[in-house]
């Protein structure tokens, strides 16, 4: 879906029904969670069709439910939901 792209734009519907759009980054690891540190999550994001990203505007993590994506913008190309491959 995103290939090697690390920064992308997205628009998606939040759980409360509002739309969020922004610029996001993949692969951001918080301080203290680098090599040798175990990351513990209650749910596996891949199993639930979620993508954990860094919101570049507000400097915070976001979870994007792939089934709620309106579009992704990667390297100048817009990808619609019908073209998104879930993990």
N, C-alpha and C. Protein backbone atom coordinates (compact mmCIF):
# COMPACT_ATOMS: atom_id res chain seq x y z
N UNK A 1 0.82 -1.18 0.00
CA UNK A 1 0.00 0.00 0.00
C UNK A 1 0.87 1.25 0.00
N UNK A 2 1.69 1.45 1.05
CA UNK A 2 2.53 2.63 1.13
C UNK A 2 3.94 2.38 0.61
N UNK A 3 4.28 1.11 0.43
CA UNK A 3 5.62 0.78 -0.03
C UNK A 3 6.67 1.29 0.94
N UNK A 4 7.68 1.97 0.41
CA UNK A 4 8.75 2.49 1.26
C UNK A 4 8.46 3.92 1.72
N UNK A 5 7.33 4.47 1.34
CA UNK A 5 6.98 5.84 1.74
C UNK A 5 6.86 5.91 3.26
N UNK A 6 7.42 6.92 3.85
CA UNK A 6 7.34 7.11 5.29
C UNK A 6 6.38 8.24 5.66
N UNK A 7 6.23 9.21 4.78
CA UNK A 7 5.33 10.34 5.03
C UNK A 7 4.21 10.29 3.99
N UNK A 8 2.99 10.47 4.46
CA UNK A 8 1.84 10.42 3.55
C UNK A 8 0.71 11.27 4.11
N UNK A 9 -0.21 11.62 3.25
CA UNK A 9 -1.41 12.33 3.67
C UNK A 9 -2.56 11.34 3.73
N UNK A 10 -3.53 11.63 4.59
CA UNK A 10 -4.69 10.74 4.69
C UNK A 10 -5.89 11.53 5.17
N UNK A 11 -7.04 11.03 4.81
CA UNK A 11 -8.30 11.52 5.33
C UNK A 11 -9.10 10.30 5.73
N UNK A 12 -9.65 10.34 6.95
CA UNK A 12 -10.39 9.18 7.44
C UNK A 12 -11.49 9.62 8.39
N UNK A 13 -12.45 8.74 8.61
CA UNK A 13 -13.56 9.01 9.50
C UNK A 13 -13.21 8.48 10.89
N UNK A 14 -13.25 9.39 11.87
CA UNK A 14 -12.96 8.99 13.24
C UNK A 14 -14.15 8.22 13.81
N UNK A 15 -13.96 7.58 14.95
CA UNK A 15 -15.03 6.80 15.56
C UNK A 15 -16.25 7.64 15.91
N UNK A 16 -16.04 8.93 16.19
CA UNK A 16 -17.18 9.79 16.52
C UNK A 16 -17.91 10.31 15.28
N UNK A 17 -17.44 9.90 14.08
CA UNK A 17 -18.10 10.26 12.83
C UNK A 17 -17.54 11.50 12.16
N UNK A 18 -16.62 12.22 12.81
CA UNK A 18 -16.01 13.38 12.18
C UNK A 18 -14.85 12.93 11.29
N UNK A 19 -14.48 13.82 10.38
CA UNK A 19 -13.41 13.50 9.43
C UNK A 19 -12.12 14.17 9.90
N UNK A 20 -11.03 13.42 9.85
CA UNK A 20 -9.71 13.97 10.16
C UNK A 20 -8.84 13.82 8.91
N UNK A 21 -8.16 14.89 8.57
CA UNK A 21 -7.20 14.87 7.46
C UNK A 21 -5.88 15.40 7.99
N UNK A 22 -4.79 14.91 7.42
CA UNK A 22 -3.51 15.41 7.86
C UNK A 22 -2.35 14.73 7.20
N UNK A 23 -1.17 15.10 7.67
CA UNK A 23 0.08 14.48 7.23
C UNK A 23 0.57 13.58 8.34
N UNK A 24 0.95 12.38 7.96
CA UNK A 24 1.33 11.37 8.93
C UNK A 24 2.66 10.73 8.53
N UNK A 25 3.30 10.14 9.53
CA UNK A 25 4.59 9.50 9.29
C UNK A 25 4.57 8.11 9.91
N UNK A 26 5.15 7.16 9.20
CA UNK A 26 5.31 5.80 9.69
C UNK A 26 6.68 5.64 10.32
N UNK A 27 6.82 4.69 11.22
CA UNK A 27 8.13 4.31 11.75
C UNK A 27 8.67 5.20 12.85
N UNK A 28 7.86 6.05 13.46
CA UNK A 28 8.33 6.89 14.56
C UNK A 28 8.26 6.07 15.84
N UNK A 29 9.39 5.95 16.51
CA UNK A 29 9.46 5.16 17.74
C UNK A 29 9.72 6.12 18.90
N UNK A 30 8.89 6.06 19.95
CA UNK A 30 9.08 6.99 21.06
C UNK A 30 10.39 6.73 21.81
N UNK A 31 10.96 7.77 22.44
CA UNK A 31 12.17 7.58 23.23
C UNK A 31 11.93 6.51 24.30
N UNK A 32 12.93 5.69 24.54
CA UNK A 32 12.79 4.62 25.52
C UNK A 32 12.19 3.35 24.95
N UNK A 33 11.74 3.38 23.71
CA UNK A 33 11.13 2.21 23.09
C UNK A 33 11.99 1.69 21.93
N UNK A 34 13.22 2.05 21.92
CA UNK A 34 14.09 1.64 20.82
C UNK A 34 14.63 0.23 21.04
N UNK A 35 15.75 -0.09 20.48
CA UNK A 35 16.31 -1.44 20.53
C UNK A 35 16.28 -2.05 21.92
N UNK A 36 15.89 -3.31 21.98
CA UNK A 36 15.89 -4.05 23.22
C UNK A 36 14.70 -3.78 24.12
N UNK A 37 13.85 -2.89 23.73
CA UNK A 37 12.67 -2.57 24.54
C UNK A 37 11.45 -3.26 23.94
N UNK A 38 10.66 -3.88 24.78
CA UNK A 38 9.45 -4.54 24.28
C UNK A 38 8.30 -3.55 24.25
N UNK A 39 7.57 -3.53 23.16
CA UNK A 39 6.39 -2.68 23.05
C UNK A 39 5.18 -3.54 23.38
N UNK A 40 4.39 -3.09 24.31
CA UNK A 40 3.22 -3.86 24.71
C UNK A 40 1.96 -3.11 24.31
N UNK A 41 1.12 -3.78 23.55
CA UNK A 41 -0.16 -3.23 23.15
C UNK A 41 -1.23 -4.24 23.52
N UNK A 42 -2.40 -3.72 23.82
CA UNK A 42 -3.51 -4.61 24.13
C UNK A 42 -4.00 -5.35 22.89
N UNK A 43 -3.92 -4.68 21.74
CA UNK A 43 -4.39 -5.26 20.49
C UNK A 43 -3.28 -5.18 19.44
N UNK A 44 -3.24 -6.16 18.58
CA UNK A 44 -2.30 -6.12 17.46
C UNK A 44 -2.95 -5.29 16.35
N UNK A 45 -2.35 -4.14 15.98
CA UNK A 45 -2.98 -3.28 14.98
C UNK A 45 -3.19 -3.98 13.64
N UNK A 46 -2.26 -4.84 13.25
CA UNK A 46 -2.39 -5.54 11.97
C UNK A 46 -3.61 -6.46 11.94
N UNK A 47 -3.87 -7.14 13.05
CA UNK A 47 -5.00 -8.06 13.11
C UNK A 47 -6.33 -7.34 13.02
N UNK A 48 -6.36 -6.08 13.41
CA UNK A 48 -7.61 -5.32 13.44
C UNK A 48 -7.70 -4.31 12.30
N UNK A 49 -6.78 -4.37 11.36
CA UNK A 49 -6.83 -3.47 10.21
C UNK A 49 -6.53 -2.02 10.57
N UNK A 50 -5.66 -1.82 11.56
CA UNK A 50 -5.29 -0.47 11.98
C UNK A 50 -3.86 -0.15 11.59
N UNK A 51 -3.61 1.13 11.46
CA UNK A 51 -2.27 1.62 11.14
C UNK A 51 -1.90 2.64 12.22
N UNK A 52 -0.80 2.41 12.93
CA UNK A 52 -0.34 3.33 13.96
C UNK A 52 0.62 4.31 13.29
N UNK A 53 0.31 5.61 13.38
CA UNK A 53 1.09 6.63 12.69
C UNK A 53 1.39 7.80 13.62
N UNK A 54 2.32 8.63 13.22
CA UNK A 54 2.66 9.86 13.93
C UNK A 54 2.00 11.02 13.20
N UNK A 55 1.15 11.78 13.89
CA UNK A 55 0.49 12.95 13.31
C UNK A 55 1.50 14.10 13.36
N UNK A 56 1.94 14.55 12.20
CA UNK A 56 3.02 15.52 12.13
C UNK A 56 2.57 16.93 12.55
N UNK A 57 1.28 17.20 12.49
CA UNK A 57 0.79 18.53 12.86
C UNK A 57 0.78 18.73 14.38
N UNK A 58 0.32 17.73 15.11
CA UNK A 58 0.19 17.89 16.56
C UNK A 58 1.22 17.08 17.35
N UNK A 59 2.11 16.40 16.65
CA UNK A 59 3.18 15.60 17.29
C UNK A 59 2.62 14.61 18.29
N UNK A 60 1.75 13.74 17.80
CA UNK A 60 1.15 12.70 18.64
C UNK A 60 0.82 11.49 17.78
N UNK A 61 0.71 10.34 18.43
CA UNK A 61 0.35 9.12 17.71
C UNK A 61 -1.13 9.11 17.40
N UNK A 62 -1.48 8.49 16.28
CA UNK A 62 -2.87 8.29 15.87
C UNK A 62 -3.00 6.84 15.41
N UNK A 63 -4.19 6.31 15.59
CA UNK A 63 -4.52 5.01 15.03
C UNK A 63 -5.53 5.24 13.92
N UNK A 64 -5.18 4.81 12.72
CA UNK A 64 -6.09 4.94 11.59
C UNK A 64 -6.67 3.57 11.29
N UNK A 65 -7.99 3.47 11.37
CA UNK A 65 -8.69 2.24 10.99
C UNK A 65 -8.78 2.23 9.46
N UNK A 66 -8.13 1.29 8.83
CA UNK A 66 -8.06 1.28 7.37
C UNK A 66 -9.44 1.16 6.72
N UNK A 67 -10.40 0.56 7.41
CA UNK A 67 -11.74 0.44 6.83
C UNK A 67 -12.48 1.78 6.83
N UNK A 68 -11.94 2.80 7.52
CA UNK A 68 -12.57 4.12 7.58
C UNK A 68 -11.82 5.17 6.75
N UNK A 69 -10.82 4.75 5.99
CA UNK A 69 -10.03 5.68 5.19
C UNK A 69 -10.85 6.17 4.00
N UNK A 70 -10.82 7.49 3.78
CA UNK A 70 -11.45 8.08 2.61
C UNK A 70 -10.46 8.13 1.45
N UNK A 71 -9.21 8.48 1.76
CA UNK A 71 -8.14 8.43 0.76
C UNK A 71 -6.79 8.51 1.45
N UNK A 72 -5.76 8.05 0.76
CA UNK A 72 -4.37 8.24 1.15
C UNK A 72 -3.70 8.99 0.01
N UNK A 73 -2.76 9.83 0.34
CA UNK A 73 -2.00 10.55 -0.69
C UNK A 73 -0.53 10.22 -0.46
N UNK A 74 0.04 9.48 -1.42
CA UNK A 74 1.41 9.00 -1.31
C UNK A 74 2.18 9.39 -2.57
N UNK A 75 3.30 10.10 -2.35
CA UNK A 75 4.16 10.52 -3.48
C UNK A 75 3.36 11.19 -4.59
N UNK A 76 2.41 12.05 -4.20
CA UNK A 76 1.64 12.81 -5.18
C UNK A 76 0.48 12.06 -5.82
N UNK A 77 0.27 10.81 -5.42
CA UNK A 77 -0.83 10.02 -5.99
C UNK A 77 -1.89 9.78 -4.92
N UNK A 78 -3.14 9.91 -5.30
CA UNK A 78 -4.24 9.66 -4.38
C UNK A 78 -4.70 8.21 -4.53
N UNK A 79 -4.82 7.54 -3.40
CA UNK A 79 -5.26 6.14 -3.38
C UNK A 79 -6.60 6.10 -2.69
N UNK A 80 -7.61 5.59 -3.39
CA UNK A 80 -8.96 5.46 -2.84
C UNK A 80 -9.11 4.13 -2.11
N UNK A 81 -10.12 4.01 -1.22
CA UNK A 81 -10.28 2.78 -0.43
C UNK A 81 -10.35 1.50 -1.25
N UNK A 82 -10.95 1.54 -2.41
CA UNK A 82 -11.05 0.31 -3.21
C UNK A 82 -9.69 -0.21 -3.65
N UNK A 83 -8.69 0.66 -3.66
CA UNK A 83 -7.33 0.28 -4.08
C UNK A 83 -6.41 -0.04 -2.91
N UNK A 84 -6.89 0.14 -1.67
CA UNK A 84 -6.08 -0.10 -0.49
C UNK A 84 -6.11 -1.59 -0.16
N UNK A 85 -4.95 -2.16 0.02
CA UNK A 85 -4.84 -3.58 0.38
C UNK A 85 -4.64 -3.69 1.89
N UNK A 86 -5.56 -4.33 2.56
CA UNK A 86 -5.42 -4.53 4.00
C UNK A 86 -4.36 -5.58 4.28
N UNK A 87 -3.65 -5.42 5.42
CA UNK A 87 -2.62 -6.40 5.75
C UNK A 87 -3.22 -7.75 6.06
